[in-house]
C-alpha cells in the first residue's frame, strides 16, 4: 500500500551541522529531521533531500520528501508549528506540500540556485554567512570569467576526485557577481551541481579577480578536467542553497 507523499520545504543554518546527509558519528540536518518528524507524527519517517550540502553550508530553501500514513494537509499550520517547536533552532520547516506518489525531491528538481557571499569588511554578525577576504577583486573580470561557464559543460575540474557520479556534465543557466552593499554576491543556477563544485568555481573566479588566472587559463581549466588546475575550494560558510525549482506537475493542488 502506497502512503501519501509530501515535500517538506525547509531552511537551515549549517554552521553547527556536519552537512545534510546522515552520518554515523556526526549530527546532520537529515538526521535531525528524521528524528523530529518520527516523534511528532508518531510513526517511523525517512526523508530524502533534494541535495547534499556540506558541513557549514546553509540553505534558505531546501526540499525533502517523505511518506506518511495519513493526510497532513488539514491542520498543517498547527503541525508545522509543533515540528518547529521540537526541531533544533537552526532548522525551520516552512511548508508541507502534497506531491505525486512517485515524486522525488532530488531527481525531479529541474534547477538549483546557490549564492556565495564575500566581504572585505570584518563583521562578527556576518562571520557565519560570509567569507572575509583581504584585497580588492576585479568584479568585471570575474563576471567575464563566469560567462565562460554558461551552458552544458564537463565540470570535472571543479569537483572532488572521489565524487561518485555517472558523468560530470552540468547545464549552468546563470552565473553572475553583484555588489550588494558591503557584500559581493555570486549567484549561480544549474540543473545539477557536483560535490564542492560551487566553492571550487568561486575560488577559481577569485583567482581571475586577483589577476592570478587569465581568461585563457580559465578556458584550459574547464577543458582540462583536472581538479588540480582549478582554484582552491573557498570556505563553506559563505555558501547558501537559495532556490530549488520543480515542474508544476510534481505538486497536487490542495
Protein backbone atom coordinates (compact mmCIF):
# COMPACT_ATOMS: atom_id res chain seq x y z
CA UNK A 1 0.00 0.00 0.00
CA UNK A 2 1.34 3.40 -1.02
CA UNK A 3 1.23 6.14 1.58
CA UNK A 4 0.68 9.78 0.56
CA UNK A 5 3.93 11.57 -0.31
CA UNK A 6 4.85 15.06 0.82
CA UNK A 7 7.52 17.64 0.09
CA UNK A 8 8.94 19.36 3.12
CA UNK A 9 10.15 22.89 2.41
CA UNK A 10 12.73 23.99 4.93
CA UNK A 11 15.65 26.26 5.76
CA UNK A 12 18.67 25.79 7.97
CA UNK A 13 21.84 27.38 9.24
CA UNK A 14 24.57 24.86 8.54
CA UNK A 15 27.22 26.15 10.95
CA UNK A 16 26.62 23.56 13.66
CA UNK A 17 25.74 20.62 11.41
CA UNK A 18 28.03 18.17 9.62
CA UNK A 19 26.17 18.72 6.37
CA UNK A 20 22.82 17.43 5.19
CA UNK A 21 23.38 13.68 4.95
CA UNK A 22 23.02 11.19 7.80
CA UNK A 23 26.43 10.17 9.17
CA UNK A 24 27.38 7.54 11.71
CA UNK A 25 29.24 9.74 14.19
CA UNK A 26 28.10 13.29 13.47
CA UNK A 27 24.86 15.25 13.65
CA UNK A 28 23.30 16.20 10.32
CA UNK A 29 20.22 18.12 9.18
CA UNK A 30 18.71 14.95 7.70
CA UNK A 31 19.16 13.05 10.98
CA UNK A 32 17.57 15.89 12.94
CA UNK A 33 14.52 15.94 10.69
CA UNK A 34 14.09 12.15 10.70
CA UNK A 35 14.15 12.12 14.48
CA UNK A 36 11.73 15.01 14.94
CA UNK A 37 9.25 14.01 12.23
CA UNK A 38 9.10 10.45 13.51
CA UNK A 39 8.42 11.77 17.01
CA UNK A 40 5.79 14.36 16.06
CA UNK A 41 3.98 12.14 13.54
CA UNK A 42 4.25 9.09 15.82
CA UNK A 43 5.41 6.79 13.06
CA UNK A 44 8.74 5.93 11.51
CA UNK A 45 9.57 8.52 8.86
CA UNK A 46 12.55 8.69 6.50
CA UNK A 47 13.24 11.77 4.39
CA UNK A 48 15.13 12.15 1.11
CA UNK A 49 16.72 15.51 0.37
CA UNK A 50 16.98 17.43 -2.88
CA UNK A 51 20.73 17.60 -2.43
CA UNK A 52 23.62 17.12 -0.03
CA UNK A 53 25.06 20.33 1.36
CA UNK A 54 28.47 20.07 3.03
CA UNK A 55 29.43 20.88 6.60
CA UNK A 56 28.87 24.58 7.30
CA UNK A 57 26.81 25.26 4.16
CA UNK A 58 23.40 26.90 4.67
CA UNK A 59 20.04 26.57 2.92
CA UNK A 60 17.45 29.31 2.62
CA UNK A 61 15.32 26.88 0.61
CA UNK A 62 15.70 23.13 0.69
CA UNK A 63 13.19 20.41 -0.18
CA UNK A 64 12.93 16.85 1.06
CA UNK A 65 10.27 14.21 0.51
CA UNK A 66 8.74 11.67 2.85
CA UNK A 67 5.73 9.33 3.06
CA UNK A 68 3.15 9.35 5.83
CA UNK A 69 0.16 7.12 6.51
CA UNK A 70 -2.30 9.97 6.95
CA UNK A 71 -3.42 13.21 5.34
CA UNK A 72 -1.27 16.02 6.74
CA UNK A 73 -2.76 18.93 4.79
CA UNK A 74 -5.78 19.66 7.06
CA UNK A 75 -4.32 21.41 10.08
CA UNK A 76 -0.85 21.62 8.58
CA UNK A 77 -0.18 25.07 10.10
CA UNK A 78 -0.50 23.58 13.57
CA UNK A 79 1.62 20.61 12.54
CA UNK A 80 4.38 22.86 11.20
CA UNK A 81 4.27 24.84 14.45
CA UNK A 82 4.72 21.68 16.54
CA UNK A 83 7.53 20.43 14.31
CA UNK A 84 9.39 23.74 14.61
CA UNK A 85 8.94 23.79 18.38
CA UNK A 86 10.66 20.39 18.53
CA UNK A 87 13.39 20.97 15.96
CA UNK A 88 16.87 22.29 16.61
CA UNK A 89 16.55 26.08 16.35
CA UNK A 90 18.99 26.16 13.44
CA UNK A 91 16.38 24.34 11.30
CA UNK A 92 12.90 25.53 10.32
CA UNK A 93 10.13 23.85 8.35
CA UNK A 94 8.48 26.40 6.04
CA UNK A 95 5.78 24.31 4.39
CA UNK A 96 4.43 20.81 3.80
CA UNK A 97 3.03 20.13 0.32
CA UNK A 98 1.28 17.09 -1.14
CA UNK A 99 3.01 15.72 -4.23
CA UNK A 100 2.66 12.85 -6.69
CA UNK A 101 3.19 9.43 -5.11
CA UNK A 102 6.34 8.92 -7.21
CA UNK A 103 7.72 12.46 -6.83
CA UNK A 104 11.37 12.67 -5.77
CA UNK A 105 12.86 15.77 -4.16
CA UNK A 106 16.24 15.19 -5.80
CA UNK A 107 15.54 13.65 -9.18
CA UNK A 108 12.50 15.81 -10.07
CA UNK A 109 14.34 19.08 -9.41
CA UNK A 110 14.99 20.92 -12.68
CA UNK A 111 17.17 23.75 -11.35
CA UNK A 112 19.05 24.78 -8.23
CA UNK A 113 20.45 28.17 -7.28
CA UNK A 114 23.31 28.88 -4.90
CA UNK A 115 24.71 32.15 -3.59
CA UNK A 116 28.20 32.77 -2.27
CA UNK A 117 28.95 35.89 -0.22
CA UNK A 118 32.28 37.66 0.17
CA UNK A 119 33.03 40.65 2.36
CA UNK A 120 36.07 42.93 2.60
CA UNK A 121 34.98 44.25 5.99
CA UNK A 122 35.30 42.09 9.13
CA UNK A 123 31.87 41.80 10.73
CA UNK A 124 31.15 39.39 13.61
CA UNK A 125 27.43 39.41 12.73
CA UNK A 126 28.19 38.14 9.23
CA UNK A 127 31.01 35.77 10.14
CA UNK A 128 28.89 32.63 9.76
CA UNK A 129 27.47 33.70 6.38
CA UNK A 130 30.36 35.33 4.50
CA UNK A 131 33.99 34.79 3.63
CA UNK A 132 36.19 37.71 4.68
CA UNK A 133 38.86 38.29 2.07
CA UNK A 134 41.66 40.85 2.10
CA UNK A 135 42.42 42.82 -1.04
CA UNK A 136 40.37 44.10 -3.94
CA UNK A 137 38.78 41.95 -6.60
CA UNK A 138 38.11 42.92 -10.21
CA UNK A 139 34.39 42.13 -10.43
CA UNK A 140 34.25 42.92 -14.16
CA UNK A 141 36.85 40.25 -14.88
CA UNK A 142 35.14 37.80 -12.55
CA UNK A 143 31.85 38.29 -14.40
CA UNK A 144 33.56 37.81 -17.74
CA UNK A 145 35.05 34.60 -16.40
CA UNK A 146 31.66 33.48 -15.13
CA UNK A 147 30.14 33.77 -18.61
CA UNK A 148 32.61 31.17 -19.88
CA UNK A 149 30.96 28.64 -17.56
CA UNK A 150 27.48 29.04 -19.03
CA UNK A 151 25.85 26.19 -20.93
CA UNK A 152 26.31 22.43 -20.86
CA UNK A 153 29.90 21.62 -19.95
CA UNK A 154 32.01 18.99 -18.23
CA UNK A 155 32.76 20.34 -14.73
CA UNK A 156 35.13 17.60 -13.61
CA UNK A 157 37.77 20.28 -12.94
CA UNK A 158 35.54 21.71 -10.20
CA UNK A 159 34.65 18.65 -8.14
CA UNK A 160 36.40 16.37 -5.67
CA UNK A 161 38.16 13.37 -7.12
CA UNK A 162 36.11 10.82 -5.17
CA UNK A 163 32.76 12.13 -6.43
CA UNK A 164 30.66 9.12 -7.43
CA UNK A 165 28.60 10.15 -10.46
CA UNK A 166 27.96 8.74 -13.92
CA UNK A 167 29.07 11.95 -15.62
CA UNK A 168 30.26 15.48 -14.87
CA UNK A 169 28.03 17.35 -17.31
CA UNK A 170 26.09 20.27 -15.82
CA UNK A 171 23.98 22.89 -17.55
CA UNK A 172 24.79 26.26 -15.97
CA UNK A 173 21.98 28.67 -16.81
CA UNK A 174 23.09 31.74 -14.83
CA UNK A 175 26.32 32.88 -13.20
CA UNK A 176 26.89 36.45 -12.05
CA UNK A 177 28.73 38.55 -9.47
CA UNK A 178 26.93 41.54 -7.98
CA UNK A 179 27.81 44.08 -5.30
CA UNK A 180 25.10 44.31 -2.64
CA UNK A 181 26.11 46.94 -0.10
CA UNK A 182 29.33 45.75 1.54
CA UNK A 183 28.89 42.19 0.26
CA UNK A 184 29.99 40.75 -3.07
CA UNK A 185 27.48 38.06 -4.05
CA UNK A 186 27.97 35.31 -6.61
CA UNK A 187 24.75 33.68 -7.84
CA UNK A 188 24.78 30.53 -9.94
CA UNK A 189 21.92 28.40 -11.28
CA UNK A 190 22.25 24.98 -12.91
CA UNK A 191 20.24 21.83 -13.46
CA UNK A 192 22.62 19.99 -11.09
CA UNK A 193 25.79 20.56 -9.10
CA UNK A 194 28.68 18.26 -8.37
CA UNK A 195 30.22 17.85 -4.93
CA UNK A 196 32.14 21.01 -3.93
CA UNK A 197 31.51 22.49 -7.39
CA UNK A 198 30.33 25.97 -6.40
CA UNK A 199 33.12 26.51 -3.88
CA UNK A 200 35.72 25.44 -6.45
CA UNK A 201 34.22 27.74 -9.09
CA UNK A 202 34.24 30.68 -6.65
CA UNK A 203 37.86 30.00 -5.74
CA UNK A 204 38.81 29.92 -9.42
CA UNK A 205 36.92 33.13 -10.24
CA UNK A 206 38.52 34.86 -7.25
CA UNK A 207 41.83 33.89 -8.85
CA UNK A 208 40.63 35.66 -12.00
CA UNK A 209 39.61 38.69 -9.93
CA UNK A 210 43.07 38.83 -8.33
CA UNK A 211 44.73 38.61 -11.79
CA UNK A 212 46.27 35.24 -10.91
CA UNK A 213 44.27 33.33 -13.53
CA UNK A 214 43.82 34.63 -17.08
CA UNK A 215 40.77 34.02 -19.25
CA UNK A 216 42.85 31.72 -21.44
CA UNK A 217 43.90 29.72 -18.39
CA UNK A 218 40.28 29.53 -17.22
CA UNK A 219 39.24 28.02 -20.56
CA UNK A 220 42.04 25.46 -20.26
CA UNK A 221 40.98 24.63 -16.71
CA UNK A 222 37.45 23.83 -17.90
CA UNK A 223 38.68 21.83 -20.87
CA UNK A 224 41.42 20.01 -18.92
CA UNK A 225 39.03 18.25 -16.48
CA UNK A 226 41.77 18.29 -13.83
CA UNK A 227 40.79 19.47 -10.35
CA UNK A 228 44.42 20.31 -9.51
CA UNK A 229 44.46 23.02 -12.18
CA UNK A 230 41.42 24.92 -10.85
CA UNK A 231 41.32 27.32 -7.91
CA UNK A 232 41.06 26.33 -4.27
CA UNK A 233 37.80 25.48 -2.52
CA UNK A 234 36.61 28.56 -0.66
CA UNK A 235 35.28 28.33 2.94
CA UNK A 236 31.86 26.72 3.39
CA UNK A 237 30.21 29.42 5.50
CA UNK A 238 29.78 31.83 2.57
CA UNK A 239 27.67 29.35 0.60
CA UNK A 240 23.88 29.02 0.70
CA UNK A 241 21.40 26.99 -1.32
CA UNK A 242 18.68 29.56 -2.01
CA UNK A 243 16.24 28.04 -4.52
CA UNK A 244 15.13 24.70 -5.96
CA UNK A 245 12.74 24.55 -8.91
CA UNK A 246 10.31 21.82 -9.97
CA UNK A 247 7.81 21.35 -12.76
CA UNK A 248 4.25 22.19 -11.66
CA UNK A 249 3.01 18.65 -12.24
CA UNK A 250 5.04 17.43 -9.27
CA UNK A 251 2.61 19.12 -6.88
CA UNK A 252 -1.00 18.21 -6.12
CA UNK A 253 -3.36 21.14 -5.69
CA UNK A 254 -4.60 21.19 -2.12
